[in-house]
């Protein structure tokens, strides 16, 4: 009986390990697909904002806007698991920000269906990624943060730019970290 119990425990452990590997692979696939869809998000967003945003070579300052999570390469932890926890919190915030940016763009550029569609896809992808990361990290009870509000059109456009830029940067970081974890678990 003990041998059977030990064997079953080994099978369950192996099954959980394989489930963990598959969860990492699925999360990586989702993030990679979202990244490829968001590849031109910043350019598309800027092209619909009018001058000076849509001018060729327009240089927008990296203004820090409260509550928009930015990737600070110098302060990131060395552990990919710890970075994934940061990514989870970033995507919690970004999904709310993307919904707000989409709402603003409905007011400012209601005829720009392609921009509204790509923002909706980014918002949905952000929600899916945060769900997958929460599951992977075993953090099911994570609440969305509250956002600061912006009132002027110019501030909305700048905030939207920062959100789109930040979304892509977090996708890149998360993709890299998941790739590391997938490679490590396949050894």
N, C-alpha and C. Protein backbone atom coordinates (compact mmCIF):
# COMPACT_ATOMS: atom_id res chain seq x y z
N UNK A 1 0.81 -1.19 0.00
CA UNK A 1 0.00 0.00 0.00
C UNK A 1 0.86 1.26 0.00
N UNK A 2 1.95 1.25 0.79
CA UNK A 2 2.81 2.43 0.84
C UNK A 2 3.44 2.70 -0.51
N UNK A 3 3.81 1.65 -1.24
CA UNK A 3 4.43 1.83 -2.55
C UNK A 3 3.44 2.48 -3.51
N UNK A 4 2.17 2.05 -3.46
CA UNK A 4 1.15 2.64 -4.33
C UNK A 4 0.95 4.11 -3.97
N UNK A 5 0.89 4.42 -2.68
CA UNK A 5 0.70 5.80 -2.24
C UNK A 5 1.88 6.67 -2.68
N UNK A 6 3.11 6.14 -2.55
CA UNK A 6 4.28 6.88 -2.98
C UNK A 6 4.26 7.10 -4.49
N UNK A 7 3.87 6.07 -5.23
CA UNK A 7 3.79 6.17 -6.69
C UNK A 7 2.75 7.21 -7.09
N UNK A 8 1.56 7.17 -6.45
CA UNK A 8 0.52 8.14 -6.75
C UNK A 8 0.97 9.55 -6.40
N UNK A 9 1.66 9.71 -5.29
CA UNK A 9 2.16 11.02 -4.91
C UNK A 9 3.16 11.53 -5.96
N UNK A 10 4.00 10.63 -6.48
CA UNK A 10 4.95 11.00 -7.52
C UNK A 10 4.24 11.40 -8.80
N UNK A 11 3.18 10.70 -9.16
CA UNK A 11 2.40 11.03 -10.35
C UNK A 11 1.72 12.39 -10.17
N UNK A 12 1.12 12.62 -9.00
CA UNK A 12 0.47 13.91 -8.73
C UNK A 12 1.47 15.05 -8.77
N UNK A 13 2.66 14.81 -8.20
CA UNK A 13 3.70 15.84 -8.20
C UNK A 13 4.14 16.14 -9.64
N UNK A 14 4.34 15.10 -10.43
CA UNK A 14 4.73 15.26 -11.83
C UNK A 14 3.62 15.98 -12.61
N UNK A 15 2.36 15.62 -12.33
CA UNK A 15 1.23 16.25 -12.99
C UNK A 15 1.17 17.74 -12.65
N UNK A 16 1.39 18.09 -11.37
CA UNK A 16 1.38 19.49 -10.97
C UNK A 16 2.52 20.25 -11.62
N UNK A 17 3.68 19.60 -11.73
CA UNK A 17 4.84 20.22 -12.37
C UNK A 17 4.55 20.49 -13.84
N UNK A 18 3.94 19.50 -14.52
CA UNK A 18 3.59 19.68 -15.93
C UNK A 18 2.54 20.77 -16.10
N UNK A 19 1.56 20.83 -15.16
CA UNK A 19 0.55 21.88 -15.20
C UNK A 19 1.22 23.25 -15.04
N UNK A 20 2.21 23.35 -14.16
CA UNK A 20 2.94 24.60 -13.95
C UNK A 20 3.68 25.01 -15.21
N UNK A 21 4.33 24.05 -15.86
CA UNK A 21 5.04 24.35 -17.12
C UNK A 21 4.06 24.83 -18.18
N UNK A 22 2.93 24.14 -18.27
CA UNK A 22 1.93 24.51 -19.27
C UNK A 22 1.34 25.88 -18.96
N UNK A 23 1.13 26.18 -17.69
CA UNK A 23 0.60 27.50 -17.31
C UNK A 23 1.58 28.60 -17.72
N UNK A 24 2.87 28.36 -17.54
CA UNK A 24 3.89 29.33 -17.94
C UNK A 24 3.89 29.50 -19.45
N UNK A 25 3.80 28.37 -20.17
CA UNK A 25 3.78 28.44 -21.64
C UNK A 25 2.55 29.19 -22.15
N UNK A 26 1.40 28.92 -21.55
CA UNK A 26 0.17 29.59 -21.97
C UNK A 26 0.25 31.10 -21.68
N UNK A 27 0.79 31.45 -20.52
CA UNK A 27 0.95 32.87 -20.19
C UNK A 27 1.91 33.54 -21.17
N UNK A 28 3.00 32.86 -21.49
CA UNK A 28 3.97 33.39 -22.45
C UNK A 28 3.33 33.58 -23.82
N UNK A 29 2.55 32.62 -24.26
CA UNK A 29 1.86 32.72 -25.56
C UNK A 29 0.91 33.92 -25.57
N UNK A 30 0.15 34.10 -24.50
CA UNK A 30 -0.78 35.22 -24.41
C UNK A 30 -0.04 36.56 -24.45
N UNK A 31 1.03 36.68 -23.68
CA UNK A 31 1.80 37.92 -23.64
C UNK A 31 2.45 38.19 -24.99
N UNK A 32 3.00 37.16 -25.62
CA UNK A 32 3.63 37.34 -26.93
C UNK A 32 2.62 37.79 -27.98
N UNK A 33 1.43 37.20 -27.96
CA UNK A 33 0.38 37.62 -28.91
C UNK A 33 -0.05 39.06 -28.64
N UNK A 34 -0.21 39.39 -27.37
CA UNK A 34 -0.60 40.76 -27.01
C UNK A 34 0.48 41.75 -27.43
N UNK A 35 1.73 41.37 -27.27
CA UNK A 35 2.84 42.25 -27.65
C UNK A 35 2.83 42.48 -29.16
N UNK A 36 2.61 41.42 -29.94
CA UNK A 36 2.60 41.59 -31.39
C UNK A 36 1.41 42.46 -31.81
N UNK A 37 0.28 42.36 -31.13
CA UNK A 37 -0.88 43.20 -31.45
C UNK A 37 -0.64 44.65 -31.04
N UNK A 38 0.15 44.86 -29.99
CA UNK A 38 0.41 46.22 -29.49
C UNK A 38 1.66 46.83 -30.10
N UNK A 39 2.27 46.12 -31.04
CA UNK A 39 3.52 46.56 -31.63
C UNK A 39 3.45 47.99 -32.17
N UNK A 40 2.34 48.36 -32.76
CA UNK A 40 2.21 49.69 -33.36
C UNK A 40 1.19 50.55 -32.59
N UNK A 41 0.88 50.16 -31.37
CA UNK A 41 -0.11 50.87 -30.58
C UNK A 41 0.29 52.33 -30.35
N UNK A 42 1.53 52.57 -29.95
CA UNK A 42 1.97 53.94 -29.66
C UNK A 42 1.90 54.79 -30.93
N UNK A 43 2.41 54.27 -32.04
CA UNK A 43 2.38 55.02 -33.31
C UNK A 43 0.94 55.29 -33.74
N UNK A 44 0.10 54.29 -33.65
CA UNK A 44 -1.30 54.45 -34.03
C UNK A 44 -1.97 55.50 -33.15
N UNK A 45 -1.71 55.42 -31.86
CA UNK A 45 -2.29 56.39 -30.93
C UNK A 45 -1.86 57.81 -31.29
N UNK A 46 -0.55 58.01 -31.45
CA UNK A 46 -0.03 59.35 -31.75
C UNK A 46 -0.58 59.90 -33.06
N UNK A 47 -0.74 59.03 -34.06
CA UNK A 47 -1.20 59.50 -35.37
C UNK A 47 -2.62 60.06 -35.32
N UNK A 48 -3.39 59.71 -34.30
CA UNK A 48 -4.77 60.19 -34.19
C UNK A 48 -4.93 61.38 -33.25
N UNK A 49 -3.84 61.88 -32.69
CA UNK A 49 -3.95 62.95 -31.70
C UNK A 49 -3.78 64.35 -32.27
N UNK A 50 -3.37 64.45 -33.52
CA UNK A 50 -3.16 65.77 -34.12
C UNK A 50 -1.84 66.37 -33.65
N UNK A 51 -1.45 67.50 -34.25
CA UNK A 51 -0.19 68.15 -33.88
C UNK A 51 -0.20 68.56 -32.40
N UNK A 52 0.89 68.50 -31.74
CA UNK A 52 2.24 68.11 -32.15
C UNK A 52 2.45 66.59 -32.08
N UNK A 53 1.47 65.85 -31.58
CA UNK A 53 1.62 64.41 -31.40
C UNK A 53 1.85 63.67 -32.71
N UNK A 54 1.12 64.07 -33.75
CA UNK A 54 1.18 63.34 -35.02
C UNK A 54 2.30 63.82 -35.94
N UNK A 55 3.05 64.84 -35.54
CA UNK A 55 4.16 65.30 -36.37
C UNK A 55 5.23 64.22 -36.44
N UNK A 56 5.84 64.07 -37.64
CA UNK A 56 6.92 63.09 -37.79
C UNK A 56 8.05 63.43 -36.83
N UNK A 57 8.50 62.43 -36.13
CA UNK A 57 9.61 62.63 -35.20
C UNK A 57 9.24 63.42 -33.97
N UNK A 58 7.95 63.50 -33.67
CA UNK A 58 7.53 64.24 -32.48
C UNK A 58 8.15 63.59 -31.24
N UNK A 59 8.83 64.38 -30.48
CA UNK A 59 9.47 63.88 -29.26
C UNK A 59 8.63 64.31 -28.06
N UNK A 60 8.04 63.34 -27.43
CA UNK A 60 7.26 63.63 -26.23
C UNK A 60 8.12 63.31 -25.02
N UNK A 61 8.10 64.19 -24.10
CA UNK A 61 8.90 63.96 -22.89
C UNK A 61 8.29 62.79 -22.12
N UNK A 62 9.13 62.13 -21.39
CA UNK A 62 8.67 61.03 -20.55
C UNK A 62 8.16 61.58 -19.23
N UNK A 63 7.12 62.37 -19.35
CA UNK A 63 6.51 62.96 -18.17
C UNK A 63 5.98 61.86 -17.28
N UNK A 64 6.24 61.96 -16.01
CA UNK A 64 5.72 60.99 -15.05
C UNK A 64 4.31 61.40 -14.69
N UNK A 65 3.37 60.52 -14.89
CA UNK A 65 1.98 60.78 -14.53
C UNK A 65 1.62 59.82 -13.40
N UNK A 66 1.09 60.40 -12.33
CA UNK A 66 0.73 59.59 -11.16
C UNK A 66 -0.12 58.40 -11.56
N UNK A 67 0.16 57.28 -10.96
CA UNK A 67 -0.61 56.04 -11.08
C UNK A 67 -0.36 55.24 -12.37
N UNK A 68 0.34 55.79 -13.35
CA UNK A 68 0.66 55.00 -14.54
C UNK A 68 1.96 54.25 -14.23
N UNK A 69 1.89 52.92 -14.22
CA UNK A 69 3.09 52.15 -13.88
C UNK A 69 4.12 52.21 -15.01
N UNK A 70 5.32 52.58 -14.67
CA UNK A 70 6.39 52.63 -15.67
C UNK A 70 7.46 51.61 -15.31
N UNK A 71 8.15 51.13 -16.32
CA UNK A 71 9.24 50.18 -16.13
C UNK A 71 10.50 50.98 -15.84
N UNK A 72 11.06 50.75 -14.66
CA UNK A 72 12.32 51.38 -14.28
C UNK A 72 13.36 50.27 -14.21
N UNK A 73 14.13 50.11 -15.28
CA UNK A 73 15.10 49.02 -15.38
C UNK A 73 16.09 49.01 -14.22
N UNK A 74 16.40 50.18 -13.67
CA UNK A 74 17.39 50.27 -12.60
C UNK A 74 16.88 49.75 -11.26
N UNK A 75 15.58 49.72 -11.08
CA UNK A 75 15.06 49.29 -9.78
C UNK A 75 14.33 47.95 -9.82
N UNK A 76 14.45 47.23 -10.92
CA UNK A 76 13.79 45.93 -11.02
C UNK A 76 14.54 44.87 -10.22
N UNK A 77 13.80 43.99 -9.53
CA UNK A 77 14.47 42.90 -8.82
C UNK A 77 15.10 41.92 -9.81
N UNK A 78 16.06 41.15 -9.35
CA UNK A 78 16.75 40.21 -10.23
C UNK A 78 15.93 38.95 -10.50
N UNK A 79 15.02 38.62 -9.63
CA UNK A 79 14.21 37.40 -9.77
C UNK A 79 13.08 37.62 -10.77
N UNK A 80 12.96 36.72 -11.78
CA UNK A 80 11.84 36.86 -12.72
C UNK A 80 10.48 36.70 -12.02
N UNK A 81 10.41 35.91 -10.95
CA UNK A 81 9.16 35.75 -10.21
C UNK A 81 8.76 37.06 -9.55
N UNK A 82 9.72 37.76 -8.98
CA UNK A 82 9.42 39.05 -8.34
C UNK A 82 9.04 40.09 -9.39
N UNK A 83 9.69 40.03 -10.55
CA UNK A 83 9.32 40.96 -11.62
C UNK A 83 7.91 40.66 -12.14
N UNK A 84 7.54 39.36 -12.16
CA UNK A 84 6.18 39.01 -12.59
C UNK A 84 5.14 39.56 -11.62
N UNK A 85 5.47 39.59 -10.33
CA UNK A 85 4.55 40.19 -9.35
C UNK A 85 4.38 41.68 -9.65
N UNK A 86 5.48 42.35 -10.00
CA UNK A 86 5.38 43.76 -10.40
C UNK A 86 4.55 43.90 -11.68
N UNK A 87 4.76 42.98 -12.62
CA UNK A 87 3.99 43.01 -13.87
C UNK A 87 2.50 42.83 -13.59
N UNK A 88 2.17 41.95 -12.69
CA UNK A 88 0.77 41.74 -12.33
C UNK A 88 0.15 43.05 -11.86
N UNK A 89 0.82 43.73 -10.95
CA UNK A 89 0.28 45.00 -10.44
C UNK A 89 0.24 46.07 -11.54
N UNK A 90 1.22 46.03 -12.43
CA UNK A 90 1.21 46.98 -13.55
C UNK A 90 0.00 46.73 -14.45
N UNK A 91 -0.26 45.46 -14.79
CA UNK A 91 -1.38 45.16 -15.67
C UNK A 91 -2.73 45.40 -14.98
N UNK A 92 -2.78 45.27 -13.66
CA UNK A 92 -4.00 45.65 -12.94
C UNK A 92 -4.31 47.12 -13.19
N UNK A 93 -3.31 47.94 -13.04
CA UNK A 93 -3.47 49.38 -13.26
C UNK A 93 -3.68 49.70 -14.74
N UNK A 94 -2.89 49.09 -15.60
CA UNK A 94 -2.97 49.40 -17.03
C UNK A 94 -4.31 49.03 -17.64
N UNK A 95 -4.93 47.95 -17.18
CA UNK A 95 -6.24 47.60 -17.75
C UNK A 95 -7.26 48.69 -17.42
N UNK A 96 -7.17 49.27 -16.23
CA UNK A 96 -8.06 50.37 -15.87
C UNK A 96 -7.72 51.63 -16.67
N UNK A 97 -6.42 51.90 -16.81
CA UNK A 97 -5.99 53.07 -17.59
C UNK A 97 -6.41 52.94 -19.06
N UNK A 98 -6.23 51.75 -19.62
CA UNK A 98 -6.60 51.55 -21.03
C UNK A 98 -8.10 51.77 -21.24
N UNK A 99 -8.91 51.34 -20.27
CA UNK A 99 -10.36 51.59 -20.37
C UNK A 99 -10.64 53.09 -20.35
N UNK A 100 -9.91 53.81 -19.51
CA UNK A 100 -10.09 55.26 -19.42
C UNK A 100 -9.62 55.96 -20.70
N UNK A 101 -8.48 55.54 -21.22
CA UNK A 101 -7.96 56.12 -22.47
C UNK A 101 -8.94 55.86 -23.61
N UNK A 102 -9.49 54.67 -23.66
CA UNK A 102 -10.47 54.35 -24.71
C UNK A 102 -11.71 55.25 -24.58
N UNK A 103 -12.15 55.47 -23.36
CA UNK A 103 -13.28 56.37 -23.12
C UNK A 103 -12.96 57.79 -23.58
N UNK A 104 -11.77 58.26 -23.23
CA UNK A 104 -11.35 59.60 -23.68
C UNK A 104 -11.31 59.67 -25.20
N UNK A 105 -10.77 58.64 -25.83
CA UNK A 105 -10.64 58.65 -27.29
C UNK A 105 -12.00 58.55 -27.98
N UNK A 106 -12.98 57.95 -27.32
CA UNK A 106 -14.35 57.96 -27.88
C UNK A 106 -14.86 59.38 -27.96
N UNK A 107 -14.48 60.20 -26.99
CA UNK A 107 -14.89 61.61 -27.00
C UNK A 107 -14.06 62.41 -28.00
N UNK A 108 -12.75 62.20 -28.01
CA UNK A 108 -11.84 63.02 -28.81
C UNK A 108 -11.74 62.58 -30.27
N UNK A 109 -11.83 61.28 -30.52
CA UNK A 109 -11.65 60.72 -31.87
C UNK A 109 -12.70 59.64 -32.14
N UNK A 110 -13.95 59.98 -31.98
CA UNK A 110 -15.02 58.99 -32.09
C UNK A 110 -15.11 58.33 -33.47
N UNK A 111 -14.54 58.95 -34.50
CA UNK A 111 -14.58 58.37 -35.84
C UNK A 111 -13.40 57.44 -36.12
N UNK A 112 -12.46 57.38 -35.22
CA UNK A 112 -11.25 56.57 -35.41
C UNK A 112 -11.47 55.15 -34.90
N UNK A 113 -12.24 54.37 -35.64
CA UNK A 113 -12.59 53.00 -35.23
C UNK A 113 -11.34 52.14 -35.03
N UNK A 114 -10.34 52.31 -35.90
CA UNK A 114 -9.15 51.47 -35.77
C UNK A 114 -8.44 51.73 -34.44
N UNK A 115 -8.34 52.98 -34.03
CA UNK A 115 -7.72 53.30 -32.75
C UNK A 115 -8.55 52.77 -31.59
N UNK A 116 -9.85 52.97 -31.64
CA UNK A 116 -10.73 52.48 -30.58
C UNK A 116 -10.68 50.96 -30.49
N UNK A 117 -10.61 50.30 -31.63
CA UNK A 117 -10.52 48.83 -31.64
C UNK A 117 -9.22 48.34 -31.03
N UNK A 118 -8.11 48.98 -31.40
CA UNK A 118 -6.82 48.53 -30.88
C UNK A 118 -6.70 48.82 -29.37
N UNK A 119 -7.31 49.90 -28.92
CA UNK A 119 -7.33 50.19 -27.48
C UNK A 119 -8.19 49.16 -26.73
N UNK A 120 -9.30 48.76 -27.33
CA UNK A 120 -10.15 47.75 -26.71
C UNK A 120 -9.42 46.40 -26.65
N UNK A 121 -8.72 46.06 -27.71
CA UNK A 121 -7.93 44.81 -27.72
C UNK A 121 -6.86 44.87 -26.64
N UNK A 122 -6.17 46.00 -26.53
CA UNK A 122 -5.13 46.15 -25.50
C UNK A 122 -5.73 46.03 -24.11
N UNK A 123 -6.88 46.65 -23.89
CA UNK A 123 -7.56 46.56 -22.59
C UNK A 123 -7.92 45.11 -22.27
N UNK A 124 -8.52 44.41 -23.23
CA UNK A 124 -8.89 43.01 -23.01
C UNK A 124 -7.66 42.13 -22.78
N UNK A 125 -6.61 42.38 -23.55
CA UNK A 125 -5.37 41.62 -23.36
C UNK A 125 -4.78 41.87 -21.97
N UNK A 126 -4.82 43.11 -21.54
CA UNK A 126 -4.29 43.46 -20.21
C UNK A 126 -5.07 42.72 -19.12
N UNK A 127 -6.37 42.66 -19.26
CA UNK A 127 -7.20 41.94 -18.27
C UNK A 127 -6.88 40.44 -18.29
N UNK A 128 -6.72 39.87 -19.47
CA UNK A 128 -6.40 38.45 -19.58
C UNK A 128 -5.02 38.15 -18.99
N UNK A 129 -4.07 39.02 -19.26
CA UNK A 129 -2.71 38.83 -18.74
C UNK A 129 -2.72 38.93 -17.22
N UNK A 130 -3.43 39.90 -16.68
CA UNK A 130 -3.45 40.03 -15.22
C UNK A 130 -4.10 38.81 -14.59
N UNK A 131 -5.12 38.25 -15.21
CA UNK A 131 -5.74 37.03 -14.70
C UNK A 131 -4.75 35.87 -14.74
N UNK A 132 -4.06 35.70 -15.88
CA UNK A 132 -3.09 34.60 -16.00
C UNK A 132 -1.93 34.76 -15.02
N UNK A 133 -1.43 35.97 -14.86
CA UNK A 133 -0.33 36.19 -13.92
C UNK A 133 -0.78 35.95 -12.49
N UNK A 134 -1.99 36.39 -12.15
CA UNK A 134 -2.51 36.16 -10.80
C UNK A 134 -2.62 34.66 -10.52
N UNK A 135 -3.09 33.91 -11.50
CA UNK A 135 -3.21 32.46 -11.35
C UNK A 135 -1.83 31.82 -11.23
N UNK A 136 -0.91 32.21 -12.09
CA UNK A 136 0.45 31.66 -12.07
C UNK A 136 1.15 31.96 -10.75
N UNK A 137 0.92 33.15 -10.21
CA UNK A 137 1.57 33.54 -8.96
C UNK A 137 0.78 33.13 -7.72
N UNK A 138 -0.40 32.54 -7.93
CA UNK A 138 -1.23 32.12 -6.80
C UNK A 138 -1.80 33.30 -6.02
N UNK A 139 -2.09 34.38 -6.72
CA UNK A 139 -2.60 35.60 -6.09
C UNK A 139 -3.98 35.90 -6.66
N UNK A 140 -4.97 35.15 -6.25
CA UNK A 140 -6.31 35.29 -6.83
C UNK A 140 -7.03 36.56 -6.38
N UNK A 141 -6.79 37.03 -5.16
CA UNK A 141 -7.51 38.19 -4.63
C UNK A 141 -6.68 39.45 -4.78
N UNK A 142 -6.64 39.99 -5.98
CA UNK A 142 -5.89 41.21 -6.24
C UNK A 142 -6.88 42.24 -6.74
N UNK A 143 -6.89 43.40 -6.10
CA UNK A 143 -7.84 44.42 -6.50
C UNK A 143 -7.18 45.49 -7.37
N UNK A 144 -8.00 46.11 -8.18
CA UNK A 144 -7.51 47.17 -9.06
C UNK A 144 -7.30 48.45 -8.27
N UNK A 145 -6.26 49.20 -8.62
CA UNK A 145 -5.99 50.45 -7.92
C UNK A 145 -6.93 51.56 -8.40
N UNK A 146 -7.01 52.61 -7.61
CA UNK A 146 -7.78 53.77 -8.07
C UNK A 146 -6.86 54.64 -8.92
N UNK A 147 -7.44 55.36 -9.86
CA UNK A 147 -6.66 56.17 -10.78
C UNK A 147 -6.87 57.65 -10.50
N UNK A 148 -5.84 58.42 -10.81
CA UNK A 148 -6.00 59.87 -10.73
C UNK A 148 -6.77 60.32 -11.97
N UNK A 149 -7.42 61.45 -11.88
CA UNK A 149 -8.20 61.93 -13.02
C UNK A 149 -7.48 63.08 -13.73
N UNK A 150 -7.78 63.21 -14.98
CA UNK A 150 -7.20 64.24 -15.82
C UNK A 150 -8.35 64.96 -16.51
N UNK A 151 -8.24 66.28 -16.59
CA UNK A 151 -9.38 67.02 -17.12
C UNK A 151 -9.16 67.65 -18.49
N UNK A 152 -7.99 68.18 -18.77
CA UNK A 152 -7.82 68.88 -20.04
C UNK A 152 -7.53 67.91 -21.17
N UNK A 153 -7.86 68.33 -22.37
CA UNK A 153 -7.63 67.50 -23.55
C UNK A 153 -6.16 67.17 -23.71
N UNK A 154 -5.29 68.15 -23.54
CA UNK A 154 -3.85 67.91 -23.69
C UNK A 154 -3.36 66.90 -22.67
N UNK A 155 -3.79 67.01 -21.43
CA UNK A 155 -3.37 66.06 -20.39
C UNK A 155 -3.89 64.65 -20.71
N UNK A 156 -5.10 64.56 -21.24
CA UNK A 156 -5.65 63.25 -21.61
C UNK A 156 -4.82 62.62 -22.73
N UNK A 157 -4.43 63.44 -23.70
CA UNK A 157 -3.63 62.93 -24.82
C UNK A 157 -2.26 62.47 -24.34
N UNK A 158 -1.63 63.24 -23.46
CA UNK A 158 -0.32 62.86 -22.93
C UNK A 158 -0.45 61.61 -22.07
N UNK A 159 -1.46 61.57 -21.21
CA UNK A 159 -1.67 60.39 -20.37
C UNK A 159 -1.92 59.15 -21.24
N UNK A 160 -2.71 59.31 -22.30
CA UNK A 160 -2.97 58.19 -23.21
C UNK A 160 -1.69 57.68 -23.85
N UNK A 161 -0.85 58.61 -24.27
CA UNK A 161 0.45 58.23 -24.83
C UNK A 161 1.27 57.45 -23.82
N UNK A 162 1.34 57.95 -22.59
CA UNK A 162 2.13 57.28 -21.55
C UNK A 162 1.58 55.90 -21.23
N UNK A 163 0.27 55.76 -21.24
CA UNK A 163 -0.36 54.46 -20.98
C UNK A 163 0.00 53.47 -22.09
N UNK A 164 -0.13 53.90 -23.34
CA UNK A 164 0.18 53.01 -24.48
C UNK A 164 1.65 52.60 -24.45
N UNK A 165 2.52 53.56 -24.19
CA UNK A 165 3.96 53.29 -24.11
C UNK A 165 4.28 52.33 -22.97
N UNK A 166 3.71 52.60 -21.82
CA UNK A 166 3.94 51.76 -20.64
C UNK A 166 3.41 50.34 -20.87
N UNK A 167 2.24 50.22 -21.49
CA UNK A 167 1.65 48.91 -21.78
C UNK A 167 2.63 48.07 -22.60
N UNK A 168 3.19 48.65 -23.64
CA UNK A 168 4.12 47.91 -24.49
C UNK A 168 5.39 47.54 -23.71
N UNK A 169 5.90 48.45 -22.90
CA UNK A 169 7.11 48.16 -22.13
C UNK A 169 6.88 47.04 -21.13
N UNK A 170 5.72 47.03 -20.46
CA UNK A 170 5.42 45.94 -19.52
C UNK A 170 5.22 44.62 -20.26
N UNK A 171 4.64 44.66 -21.45
CA UNK A 171 4.52 43.43 -22.24
C UNK A 171 5.90 42.87 -22.56
N UNK A 172 6.83 43.73 -22.94
CA UNK A 172 8.19 43.29 -23.28
C UNK A 172 8.88 42.67 -22.08
N UNK A 173 8.77 43.34 -20.94
CA UNK A 173 9.40 42.82 -19.72
C UNK A 173 8.78 41.50 -19.30
N UNK A 174 7.46 41.42 -19.33
CA UNK A 174 6.76 40.21 -18.91
C UNK A 174 7.07 39.05 -19.85
N UNK A 175 7.13 39.32 -21.15
CA UNK A 175 7.47 38.29 -22.12
C UNK A 175 8.86 37.73 -21.82
N UNK A 176 9.81 38.61 -21.56
CA UNK A 176 11.18 38.18 -21.25
C UNK A 176 11.22 37.31 -19.99
N UNK A 177 10.51 37.73 -18.95
CA UNK A 177 10.51 36.97 -17.70
C UNK A 177 9.84 35.61 -17.85
N UNK A 178 8.75 35.56 -18.57
CA UNK A 178 8.07 34.28 -18.78
C UNK A 178 8.93 33.35 -19.63
N UNK A 179 9.62 33.90 -20.61
CA UNK A 179 10.52 33.09 -21.42
C UNK A 179 11.62 32.46 -20.55
N UNK A 180 12.16 33.24 -19.63
CA UNK A 180 13.18 32.72 -18.71
C UNK A 180 12.59 31.56 -17.89
N UNK A 181 11.39 31.74 -17.37
CA UNK A 181 10.78 30.70 -16.54
C UNK A 181 10.42 29.46 -17.34
N UNK A 182 9.98 29.63 -18.57
CA UNK A 182 9.66 28.48 -19.43
C UNK A 182 10.93 27.71 -19.73
N UNK A 183 12.00 28.39 -20.06
CA UNK A 183 13.29 27.73 -20.37
C UNK A 183 13.80 27.01 -19.12
N UNK A 184 13.72 27.66 -17.97
CA UNK A 184 14.19 27.03 -16.73
C UNK A 184 13.39 25.78 -16.40
N UNK A 185 12.07 25.80 -16.62
CA UNK A 185 11.25 24.66 -16.26
C UNK A 185 11.37 23.52 -17.26
N UNK A 186 11.92 23.77 -18.44
CA UNK A 186 12.07 22.69 -19.41
C UNK A 186 13.39 21.96 -19.26
N UNK A 187 14.22 22.42 -18.33
CA UNK A 187 15.53 21.77 -18.11
C UNK A 187 15.35 20.57 -17.23
